[in-house]
N, C-alpha and C. Protein backbone atom coordinates (compact mmCIF):
# COMPACT_ATOMS: atom_id res chain seq x y z
N MET A 1 0.84 -1.19 0.00
CA MET A 1 0.00 0.00 0.00
C MET A 1 0.89 1.25 0.00
N ASN A 2 0.46 2.26 -0.75
CA ASN A 2 1.19 3.52 -0.70
C ASN A 2 0.49 4.48 0.27
N ARG A 3 1.11 5.63 0.49
CA ARG A 3 0.59 6.59 1.47
C ARG A 3 -0.83 7.04 1.15
N ASP A 4 -1.10 7.33 -0.13
CA ASP A 4 -2.45 7.77 -0.51
C ASP A 4 -3.49 6.69 -0.23
N GLU A 5 -3.16 5.44 -0.52
CA GLU A 5 -4.09 4.33 -0.26
C GLU A 5 -4.32 4.16 1.24
N ILE A 6 -3.26 4.32 2.03
CA ILE A 6 -3.40 4.20 3.48
C ILE A 6 -4.25 5.33 4.03
N THR A 7 -4.03 6.55 3.54
CA THR A 7 -4.84 7.69 3.99
C THR A 7 -6.31 7.45 3.68
N ALA A 8 -6.60 6.96 2.48
CA ALA A 8 -7.98 6.66 2.11
C ALA A 8 -8.56 5.58 3.02
N ALA A 9 -7.76 4.57 3.35
CA ALA A 9 -8.22 3.49 4.23
C ALA A 9 -8.48 4.02 5.65
N ILE A 10 -7.62 4.93 6.12
CA ILE A 10 -7.80 5.52 7.44
C ILE A 10 -9.13 6.27 7.49
N ILE A 11 -9.37 7.10 6.51
CA ILE A 11 -10.60 7.90 6.48
C ILE A 11 -11.82 6.99 6.42
N SER A 12 -11.78 5.99 5.54
CA SER A 12 -12.90 5.08 5.37
C SER A 12 -13.18 4.29 6.65
N SER A 13 -12.14 3.74 7.25
CA SER A 13 -12.31 2.94 8.45
C SER A 13 -12.77 3.79 9.63
N ARG A 14 -12.20 4.98 9.76
CA ARG A 14 -12.60 5.89 10.85
C ARG A 14 -14.09 6.18 10.77
N LEU A 15 -14.57 6.48 9.58
CA LEU A 15 -15.99 6.77 9.40
C LEU A 15 -16.85 5.53 9.65
N ALA A 16 -16.42 4.40 9.12
CA ALA A 16 -17.18 3.17 9.29
C ALA A 16 -17.30 2.77 10.76
N LYS A 17 -16.25 3.03 11.53
CA LYS A 17 -16.24 2.67 12.95
C LYS A 17 -16.83 3.77 13.84
N GLY A 18 -17.14 4.91 13.24
CA GLY A 18 -17.71 6.01 14.01
C GLY A 18 -16.73 6.66 14.98
N LEU A 19 -15.45 6.60 14.64
CA LEU A 19 -14.42 7.19 15.51
C LEU A 19 -14.17 8.63 15.11
N THR A 20 -13.88 9.47 16.10
CA THR A 20 -13.51 10.85 15.82
C THR A 20 -11.99 10.96 15.75
N TRP A 21 -11.52 12.05 15.16
CA TRP A 21 -10.08 12.31 15.15
C TRP A 21 -9.58 12.44 16.59
N GLN A 22 -10.40 13.04 17.46
CA GLN A 22 -10.01 13.19 18.86
C GLN A 22 -9.82 11.82 19.53
N GLN A 23 -10.70 10.87 19.24
CA GLN A 23 -10.55 9.53 19.81
C GLN A 23 -9.26 8.87 19.34
N LEU A 24 -8.92 9.06 18.09
CA LEU A 24 -7.67 8.48 17.57
C LEU A 24 -6.47 9.15 18.23
N ALA A 25 -6.54 10.48 18.40
CA ALA A 25 -5.45 11.20 19.07
C ALA A 25 -5.30 10.73 20.51
N ASP A 26 -6.42 10.57 21.20
CA ASP A 26 -6.39 10.10 22.59
C ASP A 26 -5.79 8.70 22.68
N ALA A 27 -6.06 7.86 21.70
CA ALA A 27 -5.56 6.48 21.72
C ALA A 27 -4.04 6.43 21.69
N ILE A 28 -3.41 7.42 21.05
CA ILE A 28 -1.94 7.42 20.98
C ILE A 28 -1.33 8.53 21.84
N GLY A 29 -2.17 9.28 22.55
CA GLY A 29 -1.67 10.30 23.47
C GLY A 29 -1.02 11.49 22.80
N ARG A 30 -1.56 11.89 21.66
CA ARG A 30 -1.00 13.03 20.92
C ARG A 30 -2.07 14.11 20.75
N PRO A 31 -1.66 15.35 20.45
CA PRO A 31 -2.64 16.41 20.18
C PRO A 31 -3.49 16.09 18.94
N VAL A 32 -4.74 16.51 18.97
CA VAL A 32 -5.68 16.16 17.89
C VAL A 32 -5.27 16.75 16.54
N VAL A 33 -4.81 18.00 16.51
CA VAL A 33 -4.44 18.59 15.22
C VAL A 33 -3.24 17.86 14.64
N TRP A 34 -2.23 17.59 15.46
CA TRP A 34 -1.04 16.87 14.99
C TRP A 34 -1.42 15.47 14.51
N THR A 35 -2.23 14.76 15.29
CA THR A 35 -2.62 13.40 14.92
C THR A 35 -3.40 13.38 13.61
N THR A 36 -4.32 14.31 13.46
CA THR A 36 -5.11 14.37 12.23
C THR A 36 -4.19 14.61 11.03
N ALA A 37 -3.27 15.56 11.17
CA ALA A 37 -2.31 15.83 10.09
C ALA A 37 -1.47 14.59 9.81
N ALA A 38 -1.03 13.90 10.86
CA ALA A 38 -0.21 12.70 10.67
C ALA A 38 -1.00 11.62 9.92
N LEU A 39 -2.24 11.41 10.33
CA LEU A 39 -3.04 10.37 9.69
C LEU A 39 -3.47 10.74 8.27
N LEU A 40 -3.38 12.03 7.95
CA LEU A 40 -3.62 12.47 6.58
C LEU A 40 -2.32 12.55 5.79
N GLY A 41 -1.22 12.07 6.37
CA GLY A 41 0.02 11.90 5.63
C GLY A 41 1.07 12.97 5.81
N GLN A 42 0.97 13.83 6.84
CA GLN A 42 1.90 14.94 6.96
C GLN A 42 2.98 14.76 8.03
N HIS A 43 2.88 13.75 8.87
CA HIS A 43 3.88 13.49 9.92
C HIS A 43 4.06 11.98 10.06
N PRO A 44 5.25 11.56 10.46
CA PRO A 44 5.43 10.13 10.75
C PRO A 44 4.96 9.82 12.17
N LEU A 45 4.37 8.67 12.34
CA LEU A 45 4.03 8.16 13.66
C LEU A 45 5.20 7.33 14.17
N THR A 46 5.28 7.13 15.48
CA THR A 46 6.24 6.15 15.97
C THR A 46 5.74 4.78 15.52
N SER A 47 6.60 3.81 15.51
CA SER A 47 6.18 2.46 15.12
C SER A 47 5.08 1.94 16.04
N ASP A 48 5.21 2.20 17.34
CA ASP A 48 4.19 1.75 18.29
C ASP A 48 2.85 2.43 18.02
N ASP A 49 2.88 3.75 17.78
CA ASP A 49 1.64 4.47 17.49
C ASP A 49 1.04 4.00 16.17
N ALA A 50 1.89 3.74 15.18
CA ALA A 50 1.40 3.26 13.88
C ALA A 50 0.71 1.91 14.04
N ARG A 51 1.30 1.01 14.85
CA ARG A 51 0.68 -0.30 15.10
C ARG A 51 -0.66 -0.14 15.82
N GLN A 52 -0.70 0.77 16.79
CA GLN A 52 -1.94 0.97 17.54
C GLN A 52 -3.04 1.51 16.63
N ILE A 53 -2.71 2.46 15.77
CA ILE A 53 -3.69 3.01 14.83
C ILE A 53 -4.12 1.92 13.85
N ALA A 54 -3.17 1.16 13.35
CA ALA A 54 -3.50 0.08 12.41
C ALA A 54 -4.46 -0.92 13.06
N ASP A 55 -4.21 -1.25 14.33
CA ASP A 55 -5.10 -2.18 15.04
C ASP A 55 -6.50 -1.57 15.23
N LEU A 56 -6.54 -0.31 15.65
CA LEU A 56 -7.83 0.35 15.87
C LEU A 56 -8.67 0.44 14.60
N LEU A 57 -7.99 0.66 13.48
CA LEU A 57 -8.69 0.88 12.22
C LEU A 57 -8.69 -0.34 11.30
N ASP A 58 -8.19 -1.46 11.80
CA ASP A 58 -8.13 -2.70 11.01
C ASP A 58 -7.37 -2.51 9.70
N LEU A 59 -6.26 -1.79 9.78
CA LEU A 59 -5.40 -1.61 8.60
C LEU A 59 -4.46 -2.80 8.49
N PRO A 60 -4.03 -3.16 7.28
CA PRO A 60 -3.09 -4.27 7.14
C PRO A 60 -1.73 -3.93 7.75
N ALA A 61 -0.99 -4.95 8.14
CA ALA A 61 0.33 -4.77 8.75
C ALA A 61 1.27 -3.97 7.85
N GLU A 62 1.09 -4.07 6.54
CA GLU A 62 1.97 -3.33 5.62
C GLU A 62 1.80 -1.81 5.74
N ALA A 63 0.73 -1.36 6.38
CA ALA A 63 0.53 0.08 6.56
C ALA A 63 1.44 0.65 7.65
N VAL A 64 1.84 -0.18 8.61
CA VAL A 64 2.61 0.30 9.76
C VAL A 64 3.92 0.97 9.36
N PRO A 65 4.78 0.35 8.57
CA PRO A 65 6.03 1.04 8.23
C PRO A 65 5.82 2.30 7.40
N VAL A 66 4.76 2.34 6.62
CA VAL A 66 4.47 3.55 5.83
C VAL A 66 4.03 4.68 6.76
N LEU A 67 3.20 4.36 7.74
CA LEU A 67 2.76 5.37 8.72
C LEU A 67 3.94 5.88 9.55
N ALA A 68 4.96 5.06 9.72
CA ALA A 68 6.12 5.44 10.53
C ALA A 68 7.22 6.10 9.69
N ALA A 69 7.08 6.10 8.39
CA ALA A 69 8.11 6.69 7.51
C ALA A 69 7.94 8.21 7.43
N VAL A 70 9.04 8.91 7.24
CA VAL A 70 8.98 10.36 7.05
C VAL A 70 8.28 10.64 5.73
N PRO A 71 7.19 11.42 5.75
CA PRO A 71 6.41 11.64 4.53
C PRO A 71 6.96 12.79 3.69
N TYR A 72 6.47 12.87 2.48
CA TYR A 72 6.67 14.05 1.65
C TYR A 72 5.59 15.03 2.10
N ARG A 73 6.02 16.12 2.72
CA ARG A 73 5.06 17.03 3.34
C ARG A 73 4.61 18.12 2.38
N GLY A 74 3.43 18.66 2.71
CA GLY A 74 2.91 19.81 1.98
C GLY A 74 2.24 19.40 0.69
N GLY A 75 1.82 20.40 -0.02
CA GLY A 75 1.20 20.16 -1.30
C GLY A 75 -0.30 20.01 -1.19
N LEU A 76 -0.98 20.70 -2.05
CA LEU A 76 -2.42 20.59 -2.17
C LEU A 76 -2.73 20.16 -3.59
N PRO A 77 -3.91 19.65 -3.86
CA PRO A 77 -4.23 19.18 -5.20
C PRO A 77 -4.18 20.27 -6.28
N THR A 78 -4.38 21.53 -5.87
CA THR A 78 -4.33 22.63 -6.83
C THR A 78 -3.49 23.77 -6.24
N ALA A 79 -2.95 24.63 -7.10
CA ALA A 79 -2.12 25.74 -6.62
C ALA A 79 -2.92 26.66 -5.69
N VAL A 80 -4.11 27.00 -6.09
CA VAL A 80 -5.02 27.76 -5.22
C VAL A 80 -6.06 26.76 -4.73
N PRO A 81 -6.17 26.57 -3.40
CA PRO A 81 -7.11 25.57 -2.90
C PRO A 81 -8.54 25.87 -3.33
N THR A 82 -9.28 24.83 -3.62
CA THR A 82 -10.66 24.99 -4.04
C THR A 82 -11.65 24.57 -2.95
N ASP A 83 -11.20 23.79 -1.97
CA ASP A 83 -12.07 23.45 -0.85
C ASP A 83 -12.37 24.74 -0.08
N PRO A 84 -13.64 25.04 0.19
CA PRO A 84 -13.98 26.32 0.82
C PRO A 84 -13.29 26.57 2.16
N THR A 85 -13.16 25.57 3.00
CA THR A 85 -12.52 25.77 4.30
C THR A 85 -11.05 26.09 4.13
N ILE A 86 -10.35 25.32 3.31
CA ILE A 86 -8.93 25.57 3.08
C ILE A 86 -8.73 26.89 2.34
N TYR A 87 -9.62 27.19 1.40
CA TYR A 87 -9.49 28.45 0.68
C TYR A 87 -9.62 29.65 1.62
N ARG A 88 -10.52 29.59 2.61
CA ARG A 88 -10.67 30.72 3.53
C ARG A 88 -9.40 30.94 4.35
N LEU A 89 -8.71 29.86 4.71
CA LEU A 89 -7.43 30.02 5.41
C LEU A 89 -6.39 30.64 4.47
N TYR A 90 -6.39 30.20 3.23
CA TYR A 90 -5.51 30.75 2.20
C TYR A 90 -5.82 32.24 2.01
N GLU A 91 -7.09 32.57 1.93
CA GLU A 91 -7.53 33.95 1.76
C GLU A 91 -7.09 34.80 2.96
N ALA A 92 -7.25 34.27 4.17
CA ALA A 92 -6.84 35.02 5.36
C ALA A 92 -5.35 35.31 5.34
N LEU A 93 -4.55 34.34 4.89
CA LEU A 93 -3.11 34.58 4.81
C LEU A 93 -2.75 35.56 3.70
N GLN A 94 -3.53 35.56 2.61
CA GLN A 94 -3.29 36.55 1.57
C GLN A 94 -3.56 37.96 2.11
N VAL A 95 -4.61 38.11 2.89
CA VAL A 95 -4.98 39.43 3.42
C VAL A 95 -4.08 39.83 4.58
N TYR A 96 -3.86 38.91 5.53
CA TYR A 96 -3.15 39.26 6.75
C TYR A 96 -1.69 38.82 6.77
N GLY A 97 -1.27 37.99 5.84
CA GLY A 97 0.11 37.51 5.81
C GLY A 97 1.15 38.62 5.78
N PRO A 98 1.02 39.59 4.88
CA PRO A 98 2.00 40.69 4.87
C PRO A 98 2.04 41.47 6.19
N ALA A 99 0.88 41.68 6.81
CA ALA A 99 0.85 42.39 8.09
C ALA A 99 1.52 41.54 9.17
N LEU A 100 1.24 40.25 9.20
CA LEU A 100 1.88 39.37 10.18
C LEU A 100 3.39 39.36 9.99
N LYS A 101 3.84 39.30 8.75
CA LYS A 101 5.29 39.32 8.45
C LYS A 101 5.91 40.61 8.98
N GLU A 102 5.29 41.75 8.70
CA GLU A 102 5.81 43.04 9.18
C GLU A 102 5.88 43.06 10.71
N LEU A 103 4.83 42.58 11.35
CA LEU A 103 4.79 42.61 12.81
C LEU A 103 5.80 41.64 13.43
N ILE A 104 5.99 40.48 12.82
CA ILE A 104 7.02 39.54 13.31
C ILE A 104 8.38 40.21 13.23
N HIS A 105 8.69 40.86 12.10
CA HIS A 105 9.99 41.52 11.96
C HIS A 105 10.13 42.70 12.93
N GLU A 106 9.06 43.46 13.10
CA GLU A 106 9.12 44.61 14.00
C GLU A 106 9.29 44.18 15.45
N GLN A 107 8.58 43.12 15.85
CA GLN A 107 8.58 42.73 17.25
C GLN A 107 9.67 41.73 17.62
N PHE A 108 10.15 40.95 16.63
CA PHE A 108 11.14 39.90 16.93
C PHE A 108 12.47 40.12 16.23
N GLY A 109 12.46 40.80 15.09
CA GLY A 109 13.68 40.99 14.30
C GLY A 109 13.58 40.22 12.99
N ASP A 110 14.71 40.17 12.29
CA ASP A 110 14.76 39.52 10.98
C ASP A 110 14.79 38.01 11.17
N GLY A 111 13.70 37.34 10.84
CA GLY A 111 13.63 35.90 11.00
C GLY A 111 12.26 35.39 10.61
N ILE A 112 11.97 34.17 11.00
CA ILE A 112 10.72 33.51 10.62
C ILE A 112 10.12 32.77 11.81
N MET A 113 8.86 32.43 11.69
CA MET A 113 8.20 31.55 12.64
C MET A 113 8.38 30.12 12.13
N SER A 114 8.93 29.27 12.96
CA SER A 114 9.14 27.89 12.57
C SER A 114 7.82 27.13 12.46
N ALA A 115 7.72 26.30 11.44
CA ALA A 115 6.59 25.38 11.34
C ALA A 115 7.08 23.97 11.66
N ILE A 116 8.33 23.86 12.11
CA ILE A 116 8.87 22.58 12.53
C ILE A 116 8.78 22.48 14.05
N ASN A 117 9.31 23.48 14.75
CA ASN A 117 9.16 23.55 16.20
C ASN A 117 7.88 24.35 16.41
N PHE A 118 6.73 23.67 16.42
CA PHE A 118 5.46 24.33 16.17
C PHE A 118 4.33 23.60 16.87
N LYS A 119 3.39 24.38 17.37
CA LYS A 119 2.16 23.83 17.92
C LYS A 119 1.00 24.50 17.19
N LEU A 120 -0.04 23.76 16.96
CA LEU A 120 -1.24 24.27 16.30
C LEU A 120 -2.42 23.75 17.09
N ASP A 121 -3.34 24.65 17.40
CA ASP A 121 -4.50 24.23 18.17
C ASP A 121 -5.75 24.83 17.55
N ILE A 122 -6.86 24.17 17.75
CA ILE A 122 -8.15 24.67 17.28
C ILE A 122 -9.10 24.70 18.46
N GLY A 123 -9.91 25.75 18.51
CA GLY A 123 -10.86 25.88 19.59
C GLY A 123 -12.12 26.57 19.10
N ARG A 124 -12.97 26.85 20.04
CA ARG A 124 -14.27 27.45 19.73
C ARG A 124 -14.54 28.55 20.75
N THR A 125 -15.15 29.61 20.27
CA THR A 125 -15.63 30.68 21.14
C THR A 125 -16.95 31.16 20.58
N ASN A 126 -17.61 32.03 21.33
CA ASN A 126 -18.91 32.53 20.88
C ASN A 126 -18.91 34.04 21.01
N HIS A 127 -19.29 34.73 19.95
CA HIS A 127 -19.44 36.18 19.94
C HIS A 127 -20.84 36.51 19.45
N ASP A 128 -21.55 37.28 20.23
CA ASP A 128 -22.89 37.72 19.84
C ASP A 128 -23.79 36.57 19.40
N GLY A 129 -23.68 35.44 20.09
CA GLY A 129 -24.53 34.30 19.80
C GLY A 129 -24.11 33.45 18.61
N ALA A 130 -22.95 33.73 18.03
CA ALA A 130 -22.48 32.95 16.87
C ALA A 130 -21.19 32.23 17.23
N ASP A 131 -21.10 30.97 16.82
CA ASP A 131 -19.87 30.22 17.03
C ASP A 131 -18.75 30.80 16.18
N HIS A 132 -17.55 30.85 16.76
CA HIS A 132 -16.35 31.30 16.05
C HIS A 132 -15.26 30.26 16.22
N VAL A 133 -14.49 30.07 15.17
CA VAL A 133 -13.36 29.16 15.17
C VAL A 133 -12.13 29.93 15.64
N VAL A 134 -11.37 29.35 16.56
CA VAL A 134 -10.13 29.95 17.04
C VAL A 134 -8.98 29.03 16.64
N ILE A 135 -8.07 29.54 15.84
CA ILE A 135 -6.89 28.77 15.41
C ILE A 135 -5.66 29.46 15.98
N THR A 136 -4.84 28.71 16.70
CA THR A 136 -3.64 29.25 17.31
C THR A 136 -2.41 28.61 16.68
N PHE A 137 -1.55 29.45 16.10
CA PHE A 137 -0.24 29.01 15.60
C PHE A 137 0.78 29.41 16.66
N ASP A 138 1.59 28.48 17.09
CA ASP A 138 2.60 28.73 18.12
C ASP A 138 3.92 28.18 17.61
N GLY A 139 4.68 29.04 16.92
CA GLY A 139 5.94 28.60 16.33
C GLY A 139 7.13 29.32 16.91
N LYS A 140 8.20 28.61 17.09
CA LYS A 140 9.44 29.19 17.60
C LYS A 140 9.96 30.23 16.62
N PHE A 141 10.44 31.36 17.14
CA PHE A 141 11.05 32.37 16.28
C PHE A 141 12.48 31.94 15.95
N LEU A 142 12.79 31.92 14.67
CA LEU A 142 14.13 31.56 14.21
C LEU A 142 14.75 32.77 13.52
N PRO A 143 15.72 33.42 14.16
CA PRO A 143 16.34 34.58 13.53
C PRO A 143 17.26 34.14 12.40
N TYR A 144 17.31 34.98 11.35
CA TYR A 144 18.29 34.74 10.30
C TYR A 144 19.67 35.04 10.88
N ASP A 145 20.62 34.21 10.55
CA ASP A 145 21.99 34.39 11.04
C ASP A 145 22.87 34.61 9.82
N TRP A 146 23.08 35.87 9.47
CA TRP A 146 23.85 36.21 8.29
C TRP A 146 25.33 36.26 8.64
N PRO A 147 26.16 35.57 7.86
CA PRO A 147 27.62 35.60 8.13
C PRO A 147 28.15 37.03 7.98
N THR A 148 29.11 37.37 8.82
CA THR A 148 29.69 38.72 8.78
C THR A 148 31.05 38.74 8.09
N ASP A 149 31.60 37.59 7.74
CA ASP A 149 32.92 37.60 7.08
C ASP A 149 32.81 37.27 5.62
């Protein structure tokens, strides 16, 4: 099985068994956003976690080493996302990305926010009787280190 086939099997089995992403995250003791990304092919699981997920979802044994392998990260099916939820995040970064970049440089200096040493969380709040999605990016600041010689 390749990674795409395993991802499809994970989604199909999860739905068939009525399991939530949170239940799968709890089963391996990891954060829900990280676990969901991993099971969608963006992070490697430990071998033990991969076996546990395979057992929970009745995946074949051949899925375990693939789930534990370092994946090819990133990439969407199209250059501009067409899924409405993903597109709105893309749109928000188009509108606010330059401002965030300016503020990171102004407040931290010349550098970037790491997406490797990184936490991502999702939550819910309510304003004026309407549900709101809260997404928190928590990335280590990595200053550029330009050689002086």
